[in-house]
Amino acid sequence: MSRIDVFVAPRPNATLIKAMTFVNRIVMLHGIPGLRDLLPFNRLAGLRGVANVRHIDFPEDDRQRLKVCCGAGKATFITPNHPEFFTDWMIDKEVVSRVSPLAASWATHGVVNGLGRLTQKFWLANNLIAQIPGNSAAAKEHSVAWALKGHGVLLHPEGGVGWHANIVAPLLPGAVEMGFEALKRGRLMDPDFKVWIAPVTWKLAFTGNVEAALAKECAYVEHSLKIERRAANTLPERVHHIYATLLSRDEAANGLRPDERASYDTRQKDLLTELGHRLAELVSLEAGTLDNAELLRRSRRWLRENTDGTGSQKQVRTLADTIQRLRRVGPWASANPRITQEEIAEHLKRIRNDYCKGTLRDTINRFVPQPAGPRRAYVRVPEPLGLHAYQGSVEEALAELHDRMQETVTRTMTQLEAGGGFIFYANPFYHR
């Protein structure tokens, strides 16, 4: 097996973790005061702050709510939302440094194992747990054992980044399943042992108007994807035109004739339905009996079990990848008549991640996406879920966690909007 697919247990180095907390705070998040706003220093990510998060609004009540869940005599699984790549670990690391400094964090195996042996050693010393797709048993076993020692374990229950900070995606069961396993083992040692699932949400907001920077990034995407710019369009309309053009290309590639009079989400649903039928037939499933999320899970399993390199395998992979990419623009995109600069930025980052490939610039952007301007992070902690006092199933626990996280995100949005924290535009994806 390739090293990238082999789980290696983390070897946390407390001194390195402490040092990297300081580096993360200055270099990755805040930048250097006095230099971060001056030319040419503000063009250097390390001086400006790579993620350009100038302020972290983390109320003391929220910090204490999370902190009391961590420590000896309890196992804690910290579950943040996952609105943005790279910035995710930087903010998560800052949060855990304030409540459980030796918490372990799950990360994709491509980051932990896929960047060379020395880089792997560095990440393991920072207590990162490699998630191996289709083979997570070892990572789960290590996570339970580490949590039982009184240190937190952080993982994103939404799975991959969706670039939709206002919406919490359906949650995966891993954290809750490991929590119940930790409770079973912990109660063998201590009948009063407690297990917490501690959700965390954070929302990023620009500190000023960044339309010029967003327009520049939009122009790069248009040029990279060979999409003609419509000069009279507003910035949101340009983003919508990019997506509509890409959808037309997918329709044509799959033998469908685009109906450009229909709304984007109507065309998208029609294409997803057709591709879902084709994929179900290839993997011998009855079309229409599964939603696309479950169909994708079954198809990925089919690919792992059928590795003979046949043409069918290539077709299944292509269809599954296309469906997954199309689904990343969900119903939330057309739900509201207004769109914020933050949502425009998310659309552009999602397009660049999914479509702009083949250059060093695009590769760097995929791993370290650069924001359009300075931002403030609003970190909040919903009420933790104590599995030691919970009688429901895994599915019921996930639904409860999702409700708590979404309610907190929505409340944060409402408060920011009331304080004039957003710049709004008409949303071209919206339809009545």
Protein backbone atom coordinates (compact mmCIF):
# COMPACT_ATOMS: atom_id res chain seq x y z
CA MET A 1 0.00 0.00 0.00
CA SER A 2 1.08 3.56 -0.59
CA ARG A 3 2.19 5.46 2.49
CA ILE A 4 -0.72 7.84 1.98
CA ASP A 5 -3.18 5.01 2.75
CA VAL A 6 -1.42 3.67 5.86
CA PHE A 7 -2.48 4.95 9.27
CA VAL A 8 0.36 5.97 11.59
CA ALA A 9 -0.53 6.94 15.14
CA PRO A 10 0.26 10.55 16.09
CA ARG A 11 3.21 11.22 18.37
CA PRO A 12 2.25 14.52 20.01
CA ASN A 13 5.10 16.80 21.04
CA ALA A 14 3.80 19.24 23.66
CA THR A 15 6.66 21.71 23.12
CA LEU A 16 6.12 21.81 19.36
CA ILE A 17 2.34 22.13 19.78
CA LYS A 18 2.79 25.08 22.12
CA ALA A 19 5.24 26.77 19.75
CA MET A 20 2.98 26.19 16.75
CA THR A 21 0.07 27.73 18.64
CA PHE A 22 2.01 31.00 18.74
CA VAL A 23 3.06 30.68 15.07
CA ASN A 24 -0.51 29.89 14.08
CA ARG A 25 -1.86 32.92 15.96
CA ILE A 26 0.56 35.41 14.37
CA VAL A 27 1.60 34.00 10.99
CA MET A 28 -1.52 32.08 9.99
CA LEU A 29 -4.29 34.17 11.54
CA HIS A 30 -3.67 37.71 12.75
CA GLY A 31 -0.55 38.86 10.94
CA ILE A 32 1.94 41.36 12.35
CA PRO A 33 0.38 44.63 13.57
CA GLY A 34 2.03 47.65 11.96
CA LEU A 35 3.02 45.69 8.86
CA ARG A 36 -0.14 43.84 7.83
CA ASP A 37 -1.78 46.99 6.41
CA LEU A 38 1.28 48.55 4.74
CA LEU A 39 2.48 48.06 1.19
CA PRO A 40 4.30 45.91 0.22
CA PHE A 41 4.04 43.90 3.45
CA ASN A 42 0.29 43.35 3.14
CA ARG A 43 0.98 41.37 -0.04
CA LEU A 44 3.04 38.85 1.91
CA ALA A 45 0.70 36.28 3.44
CA GLY A 46 2.97 35.47 6.38
CA LEU A 47 3.14 39.12 7.45
CA ARG A 48 -0.49 39.89 6.70
CA GLY A 49 -1.73 36.63 8.21
CA VAL A 50 -2.15 33.76 5.76
CA ALA A 51 -5.84 33.31 6.57
CA ASN A 52 -6.20 37.05 7.26
CA VAL A 53 -8.35 36.58 10.35
CA ARG A 54 -7.62 39.78 12.27
CA HIS A 55 -9.95 39.20 15.19
CA ILE A 56 -11.47 36.18 16.90
CA ASP A 57 -14.71 36.92 18.73
CA PHE A 58 -14.87 34.04 21.24
CA PRO A 59 -16.97 35.06 24.25
CA GLU A 60 -15.80 33.86 27.65
CA ASP A 61 -19.12 32.13 28.33
CA ASP A 62 -18.70 30.06 25.17
CA ARG A 63 -15.09 29.23 26.01
CA GLN A 64 -16.05 28.07 29.49
CA ARG A 65 -18.93 25.99 28.09
CA LEU A 66 -16.40 24.10 26.00
CA LYS A 67 -13.64 24.00 28.60
CA VAL A 68 -15.75 22.33 31.30
CA CYS A 69 -16.36 19.40 28.91
CA CYS A 70 -12.63 18.68 28.66
CA GLY A 71 -10.30 17.06 31.17
CA ALA A 72 -9.78 13.98 33.34
CA GLY A 73 -12.72 11.69 33.98
CA LYS A 74 -14.41 12.48 30.68
CA ALA A 75 -13.98 11.94 26.95
CA THR A 76 -14.71 14.84 24.65
CA PHE A 77 -15.26 14.89 20.91
CA ILE A 78 -15.19 18.47 19.59
CA THR A 79 -17.19 18.91 16.40
CA PRO A 80 -16.80 22.25 14.56
CA ASN A 81 -18.64 23.18 11.41
CA HIS A 82 -16.50 23.12 8.27
CA PRO A 83 -17.08 26.22 6.14
CA GLU A 84 -13.59 26.78 4.73
CA PHE A 85 -10.39 24.86 3.96
CA PHE A 86 -7.03 25.74 5.58
CA THR A 87 -8.63 28.39 7.80
CA ASP A 88 -10.51 25.48 9.39
CA TRP A 89 -7.49 24.03 11.17
CA MET A 90 -6.07 27.44 12.02
CA ILE A 91 -9.23 28.53 13.85
CA ASP A 92 -9.82 25.07 15.31
CA LYS A 93 -6.26 25.00 16.65
CA GLU A 94 -6.73 28.41 18.27
CA VAL A 95 -9.96 27.21 19.88
CA VAL A 96 -8.51 24.00 21.31
CA SER A 97 -5.40 25.84 22.53
CA ARG A 98 -7.73 27.69 24.91
CA VAL A 99 -9.59 24.64 26.23
CA SER A 100 -7.58 21.42 25.62
CA PRO A 101 -4.08 22.12 24.21
CA LEU A 102 -3.24 18.44 23.59
CA ALA A 103 -6.43 17.68 21.70
CA ALA A 104 -5.96 15.50 18.62
CA SER A 105 -7.43 16.66 15.29
CA TRP A 106 -8.57 14.63 12.32
CA ALA A 107 -7.26 15.68 8.90
CA THR A 108 -7.32 14.28 5.39
CA HIS A 109 -4.71 11.62 4.67
CA GLY A 110 -3.51 13.70 1.71
CA VAL A 111 -2.26 16.35 4.12
CA VAL A 112 -0.94 14.11 6.91
CA ASN A 113 0.60 11.32 4.79
CA GLY A 114 0.78 12.66 1.27
CA LEU A 115 3.40 15.43 1.45
CA GLY A 116 6.50 13.41 2.23
CA ARG A 117 8.00 11.63 5.21
CA LEU A 118 9.32 14.72 7.01
CA THR A 119 6.01 16.54 6.63
CA GLN A 120 4.19 13.46 7.93
CA LYS A 121 6.45 13.42 10.99
CA PHE A 122 5.70 17.11 11.59
CA TRP A 123 1.92 16.61 11.40
CA LEU A 124 2.03 13.55 13.66
CA ALA A 125 3.99 15.58 16.21
CA ASN A 126 1.20 18.18 16.00
CA ASN A 127 -1.26 15.42 16.93
CA LEU A 128 -3.05 15.12 13.60
CA ILE A 129 -4.96 11.92 12.93
CA ALA A 130 -4.96 10.82 9.27
CA GLN A 131 -8.38 9.93 7.91
CA ILE A 132 -7.93 7.03 5.48
CA PRO A 133 -10.95 6.82 3.13
CA GLY A 134 -12.66 3.45 3.42
CA ASN A 135 -10.34 2.32 6.22
CA SER A 136 -10.88 4.48 9.29
CA ALA A 137 -10.91 1.73 11.95
CA ALA A 138 -7.37 2.44 13.18
CA ALA A 139 -8.00 6.19 13.36
CA LYS A 140 -11.20 5.63 15.33
CA GLU A 141 -9.49 3.24 17.74
CA HIS A 142 -6.70 5.72 18.39
CA SER A 143 -9.23 8.55 18.83
CA VAL A 144 -11.22 6.66 21.45
CA ALA A 145 -8.05 5.75 23.36
CA TRP A 146 -6.81 9.35 23.28
CA ALA A 147 -10.18 10.74 24.38
CA LEU A 148 -10.26 8.33 27.31
CA LYS A 149 -7.04 9.94 28.56
CA GLY A 150 -8.93 13.21 29.06
CA HIS A 151 -7.74 14.97 25.93
CA GLY A 152 -10.20 16.18 23.35
CA VAL A 153 -10.49 14.80 19.83
CA LEU A 154 -11.59 17.26 17.12
CA LEU A 155 -13.18 16.21 13.85
CA HIS A 156 -15.53 17.86 11.37
CA PRO A 157 -18.89 16.08 11.34
CA GLU A 158 -19.84 17.65 7.99
CA GLY A 159 -16.94 15.84 6.32
CA GLY A 160 -15.39 17.78 3.43
CA VAL A 161 -15.53 21.53 3.00
CA GLY A 162 -18.65 22.76 1.21
CA TRP A 163 -17.90 26.51 1.22
CA HIS A 164 -21.35 27.36 2.63
CA ALA A 165 -20.81 28.89 6.06
CA ASN A 166 -24.48 29.77 6.63
CA ILE A 167 -25.67 26.18 6.24
CA VAL A 168 -24.60 23.15 8.28
CA ALA A 169 -24.55 20.11 6.01
CA PRO A 170 -25.90 16.71 7.14
CA LEU A 171 -23.59 15.28 9.79
CA LEU A 172 -21.57 12.09 9.57
CA PRO A 173 -21.86 9.64 12.50
CA GLY A 174 -18.17 9.14 13.36
CA ALA A 175 -17.93 11.43 16.40
CA VAL A 176 -21.12 10.08 17.99
CA GLU A 177 -20.18 6.45 17.29
CA MET A 178 -16.76 6.97 18.87
CA GLY A 179 -18.43 8.77 21.76
CA PHE A 180 -20.67 5.80 22.55
CA GLU A 181 -17.67 3.46 22.33
CA ALA A 182 -15.70 5.69 24.70
CA LEU A 183 -18.65 5.73 27.10
CA LYS A 184 -18.82 1.94 27.13
CA ARG A 185 -15.09 1.62 27.88
CA GLY A 186 -15.03 4.51 30.32
CA ARG A 187 -17.87 3.10 32.39
CA LEU A 188 -15.86 -0.09 32.90
CA MET A 189 -13.33 2.00 34.85
CA ASP A 190 -15.63 4.59 36.40
CA PRO A 191 -19.43 4.31 36.66
CA ASP A 192 -19.63 8.12 36.61
CA PHE A 193 -17.51 8.52 33.48
CA LYS A 194 -18.86 11.21 31.14
CA VAL A 195 -18.67 11.61 27.38
CA TRP A 196 -19.41 14.88 25.62
CA ILE A 197 -20.01 15.73 22.00
CA ALA A 198 -19.12 19.43 21.98
CA PRO A 199 -20.20 21.29 18.83
CA VAL A 200 -18.46 24.51 17.81
CA THR A 201 -19.50 26.94 15.08
CA TRP A 202 -17.61 29.80 13.52
CA LYS A 203 -18.59 32.37 10.97
CA LEU A 204 -16.20 34.64 9.06
CA ALA A 205 -17.14 38.17 8.03
CA PHE A 206 -15.08 40.71 6.09
CA THR A 207 -14.16 43.80 8.07
CA GLY A 208 -14.81 46.10 5.08
CA ASN A 209 -15.84 46.29 1.43
CA VAL A 210 -13.81 43.82 -0.67
CA GLU A 211 -15.74 44.02 -3.95
CA ALA A 212 -12.67 45.10 -5.95
CA ALA A 213 -10.67 42.09 -4.76
CA LEU A 214 -13.60 39.73 -5.42
CA ALA A 215 -14.00 41.16 -8.95
CA LYS A 216 -10.31 40.53 -9.58
CA GLU A 217 -10.63 36.92 -8.47
CA CYS A 218 -13.77 36.52 -10.57
CA ALA A 219 -11.84 37.78 -13.62
CA TYR A 220 -9.13 35.20 -12.97
CA VAL A 221 -11.74 32.42 -12.86
CA GLU A 222 -13.38 33.64 -16.09
CA HIS A 223 -10.02 33.72 -17.86
CA SER A 224 -8.92 30.35 -16.47
CA LEU A 225 -12.14 28.62 -17.52
CA LYS A 226 -12.44 30.49 -20.85
CA ILE A 227 -15.78 32.04 -19.97
CA GLU A 228 -16.66 35.32 -21.64
CA ARG A 229 -17.21 38.16 -19.20
CA ARG A 230 -20.43 40.09 -19.49
CA ALA A 231 -19.31 43.63 -18.68
CA ALA A 232 -22.77 44.94 -17.78
CA ASN A 233 -23.33 42.26 -15.16
CA THR A 234 -22.98 42.83 -11.45
CA LEU A 235 -20.44 40.75 -9.54
CA PRO A 236 -23.06 38.20 -8.37
CA GLU A 237 -24.41 37.97 -11.95
CA ARG A 238 -20.90 37.22 -13.22
CA VAL A 239 -20.59 34.39 -10.69
CA HIS A 240 -24.01 33.06 -11.71
CA HIS A 241 -22.98 33.22 -15.40
CA ILE A 242 -19.84 31.19 -14.62
CA TYR A 243 -21.89 28.49 -12.93
CA ALA A 244 -24.54 28.49 -15.69
CA THR A 245 -21.84 28.10 -18.33
CA LEU A 246 -20.20 25.24 -16.46
CA LEU A 247 -23.59 23.56 -16.07
CA SER A 248 -24.19 23.91 -19.83
CA ARG A 249 -20.86 22.20 -20.46
CA ASP A 250 -21.81 19.32 -18.16
CA GLU A 251 -25.19 18.98 -19.86
CA ALA A 252 -23.59 18.90 -23.31
CA ALA A 253 -20.92 16.42 -22.20
CA ASN A 254 -23.68 14.06 -21.07
CA GLY A 255 -25.80 14.40 -24.19
CA LEU A 256 -28.43 16.76 -22.78
CA ARG A 257 -29.62 19.94 -24.46
CA PRO A 258 -29.44 22.96 -22.10
CA ASP A 259 -32.70 24.81 -21.47
CA GLU A 260 -31.29 28.23 -20.68
CA ARG A 261 -34.78 29.61 -19.99
CA ALA A 262 -35.03 27.42 -16.88
CA SER A 263 -33.54 28.40 -13.53
CA TYR A 264 -30.12 27.12 -12.53
CA ASP A 265 -31.40 24.80 -9.82
CA THR A 266 -34.08 23.31 -12.11
CA ARG A 267 -31.49 22.47 -14.74
CA GLN A 268 -29.15 21.16 -12.07
CA LYS A 269 -31.83 18.86 -10.62
CA ASP A 270 -32.70 17.50 -14.06
CA LEU A 271 -29.06 16.75 -14.80
CA LEU A 272 -28.51 15.13 -11.41
CA THR A 273 -31.57 12.93 -11.92
CA GLU A 274 -30.32 11.73 -15.30
CA LEU A 275 -26.78 11.07 -14.07
CA GLY A 276 -28.14 9.31 -10.99
CA HIS A 277 -30.12 6.89 -13.19
CA ARG A 278 -27.03 6.13 -15.26
CA LEU A 279 -24.84 5.58 -12.21
CA ALA A 280 -27.41 3.35 -10.49
CA GLU A 281 -27.60 1.16 -13.59
CA LEU A 282 -23.80 0.78 -13.74
CA VAL A 283 -23.51 -0.35 -10.09
CA SER A 284 -26.63 -2.56 -10.30
CA LEU A 285 -28.88 -0.48 -8.06
CA GLU A 286 -32.52 0.30 -8.70
CA ALA A 287 -32.80 3.84 -10.02
CA GLY A 288 -34.85 6.20 -7.90
CA THR A 289 -34.68 4.14 -4.70
CA LEU A 290 -31.71 6.06 -3.22
CA ASP A 291 -30.97 9.74 -2.86
CA ASN A 292 -27.79 10.99 -4.49
CA ALA A 293 -25.83 11.03 -1.22
CA GLU A 294 -26.49 7.34 -0.57
CA LEU A 295 -25.96 6.50 -4.25
CA LEU A 296 -22.52 8.12 -4.06
CA ARG A 297 -21.62 6.13 -0.94
CA ARG A 298 -22.66 2.87 -2.61
CA SER A 299 -20.76 3.80 -5.77
CA ARG A 300 -17.55 4.59 -3.85
CA ARG A 301 -17.83 1.22 -2.15
CA TRP A 302 -18.38 -0.43 -5.54
CA LEU A 303 -15.18 1.23 -6.82
CA ARG A 304 -13.17 -0.07 -3.84
CA GLU A 305 -14.48 -3.58 -4.43
CA ASN A 306 -14.05 -3.60 -8.23
CA THR A 307 -10.45 -2.73 -9.06
CA ASP A 308 -10.01 -4.66 -12.30
CA GLY A 309 -9.52 -1.48 -14.35
CA THR A 310 -12.49 -2.10 -16.64
CA GLY A 311 -14.28 0.55 -18.63
CA SER A 312 -17.22 0.35 -16.23
CA GLN A 313 -14.97 1.40 -13.37
CA LYS A 314 -13.91 4.53 -15.27
CA GLN A 315 -17.54 5.34 -16.09
CA VAL A 316 -18.62 4.92 -12.48
CA ARG A 317 -15.80 7.13 -11.23
CA THR A 318 -16.54 9.85 -13.79
CA LEU A 319 -20.27 9.86 -13.05
CA ALA A 320 -19.74 9.81 -9.28
CA ASP A 321 -17.25 12.68 -9.48
CA THR A 322 -19.61 14.73 -11.64
CA ILE A 323 -22.59 14.17 -9.34
CA GLN A 324 -20.52 15.03 -6.28
CA ARG A 325 -19.24 18.23 -7.90
CA LEU A 326 -22.70 19.33 -9.05
CA ARG A 327 -24.23 18.71 -5.61
CA ARG A 328 -21.80 21.15 -4.00
CA VAL A 329 -24.11 23.98 -5.07
CA GLY A 330 -27.11 23.09 -2.91
CA PRO A 331 -30.65 24.47 -2.58
CA TRP A 332 -29.32 27.06 -0.12
CA ALA A 333 -27.78 28.94 -3.06
CA SER A 334 -31.22 29.96 -4.37
CA ALA A 335 -33.08 30.18 -1.05
CA ASN A 336 -32.66 33.91 -0.32
CA PRO A 337 -33.26 37.00 -2.48
CA ARG A 338 -30.03 38.60 -1.21
CA ILE A 339 -26.44 37.42 -1.23
CA THR A 340 -23.51 38.71 0.84
CA GLN A 341 -19.92 39.39 -0.15
CA GLU A 342 -18.94 36.42 2.02
CA GLU A 343 -21.22 34.13 0.01
CA ILE A 344 -19.82 35.47 -3.27
CA ALA A 345 -16.32 34.73 -1.97
CA GLU A 346 -17.42 31.18 -1.10
CA HIS A 347 -18.81 30.64 -4.60
CA LEU A 348 -15.52 31.76 -6.15
CA LYS A 349 -13.45 29.54 -3.86
CA ARG A 350 -15.67 26.56 -4.61
CA ILE A 351 -15.36 27.13 -8.38
CA ARG A 352 -11.58 27.46 -8.14
CA ASN A 353 -11.33 24.28 -6.08
CA ASP A 354 -13.60 22.24 -8.34
CA TYR A 355 -12.77 23.54 -11.82
CA CYS A 356 -9.52 25.54 -11.95
CA LYS A 357 -6.71 23.02 -12.17
CA GLY A 358 -3.42 22.40 -13.91
CA THR A 359 -1.27 25.31 -12.74
CA LEU A 360 0.90 25.84 -9.68
CA ARG A 361 -1.23 28.83 -8.73
CA ASP A 362 -4.37 26.69 -8.74
CA THR A 363 -2.67 23.93 -6.74
CA ILE A 364 -1.52 26.39 -4.07
CA ASN A 365 -5.00 27.93 -3.95
CA ARG A 366 -6.51 24.51 -3.36
CA PHE A 367 -4.36 23.92 -0.27
CA VAL A 368 -4.04 27.54 0.96
CA PRO A 369 -6.94 29.59 -0.45
CA GLN A 370 -6.40 33.31 0.03
CA PRO A 371 -9.25 35.53 1.26
CA ALA A 372 -10.25 38.74 -0.49
CA GLY A 373 -9.58 40.87 2.59
CA PRO A 374 -9.29 41.04 6.39
CA ARG A 375 -11.90 39.13 8.35
CA ARG A 376 -13.28 38.59 11.82
CA ALA A 377 -14.18 35.11 13.09
CA TYR A 378 -17.20 34.72 15.35
CA VAL A 379 -16.73 31.51 17.38
CA ARG A 380 -19.70 30.15 19.32
CA VAL A 381 -20.28 26.97 21.33
CA PRO A 382 -23.80 25.46 21.26
CA GLU A 383 -24.91 23.41 24.24
CA PRO A 384 -22.78 20.22 24.32
CA LEU A 385 -24.52 16.85 24.12
CA GLY A 386 -23.75 14.54 27.06
CA LEU A 387 -23.93 10.97 25.78
CA HIS A 388 -23.73 9.72 29.39
CA ALA A 389 -27.20 11.18 29.92
CA TYR A 390 -28.58 10.56 26.44
CA GLN A 391 -31.06 7.78 25.67
CA GLY A 392 -31.47 8.26 21.94
CA SER A 393 -29.87 6.53 18.94
CA VAL A 394 -26.86 7.67 16.92
CA GLU A 395 -29.21 9.08 14.28
CA GLU A 396 -31.22 11.00 16.88
CA ALA A 397 -28.03 12.38 18.43
CA LEU A 398 -26.85 13.57 15.01
CA ALA A 399 -30.17 15.31 14.38
CA GLU A 400 -29.96 17.04 17.76
CA LEU A 401 -26.38 18.16 17.13
CA HIS A 402 -27.28 19.44 13.69
CA ASP A 403 -30.19 21.45 15.07
CA ARG A 404 -28.01 23.01 17.77
CA MET A 405 -25.28 23.92 15.29
CA GLN A 406 -27.62 25.35 12.65
CA GLU A 407 -29.55 27.36 15.23
CA THR A 408 -26.30 28.86 16.50
CA VAL A 409 -25.08 29.72 13.00
CA THR A 410 -28.42 31.32 12.15
CA ARG A 411 -28.46 33.31 15.37
CA THR A 412 -24.92 34.56 14.72
CA MET A 413 -25.92 35.62 11.20
CA THR A 414 -28.98 37.47 12.49
CA GLN A 415 -26.93 39.33 15.08
CA LEU A 416 -24.28 40.33 12.53
CA GLU A 417 -26.90 41.49 10.04
CA ALA A 418 -28.63 43.57 12.73
CA GLY A 419 -25.29 45.22 13.47
CA GLY A 420 -24.70 46.10 9.81
CA GLY A 421 -22.00 43.48 9.43
CA PHE A 422 -22.77 42.46 5.83
CA ILE A 423 -22.85 44.05 2.38
CA PHE A 424 -25.75 42.65 0.36
CA TYR A 425 -26.52 42.26 -3.36
CA ALA A 426 -29.47 40.87 -5.29
CA ASN A 427 -29.05 37.10 -5.56
CA PRO A 428 -29.23 35.93 -9.21
CA PHE A 429 -29.68 32.29 -8.10
CA TYR A 430 -32.91 33.17 -6.30
CA HIS A 431 -36.30 32.40 -7.78
CA ARG A 432 -39.73 32.51 -6.27
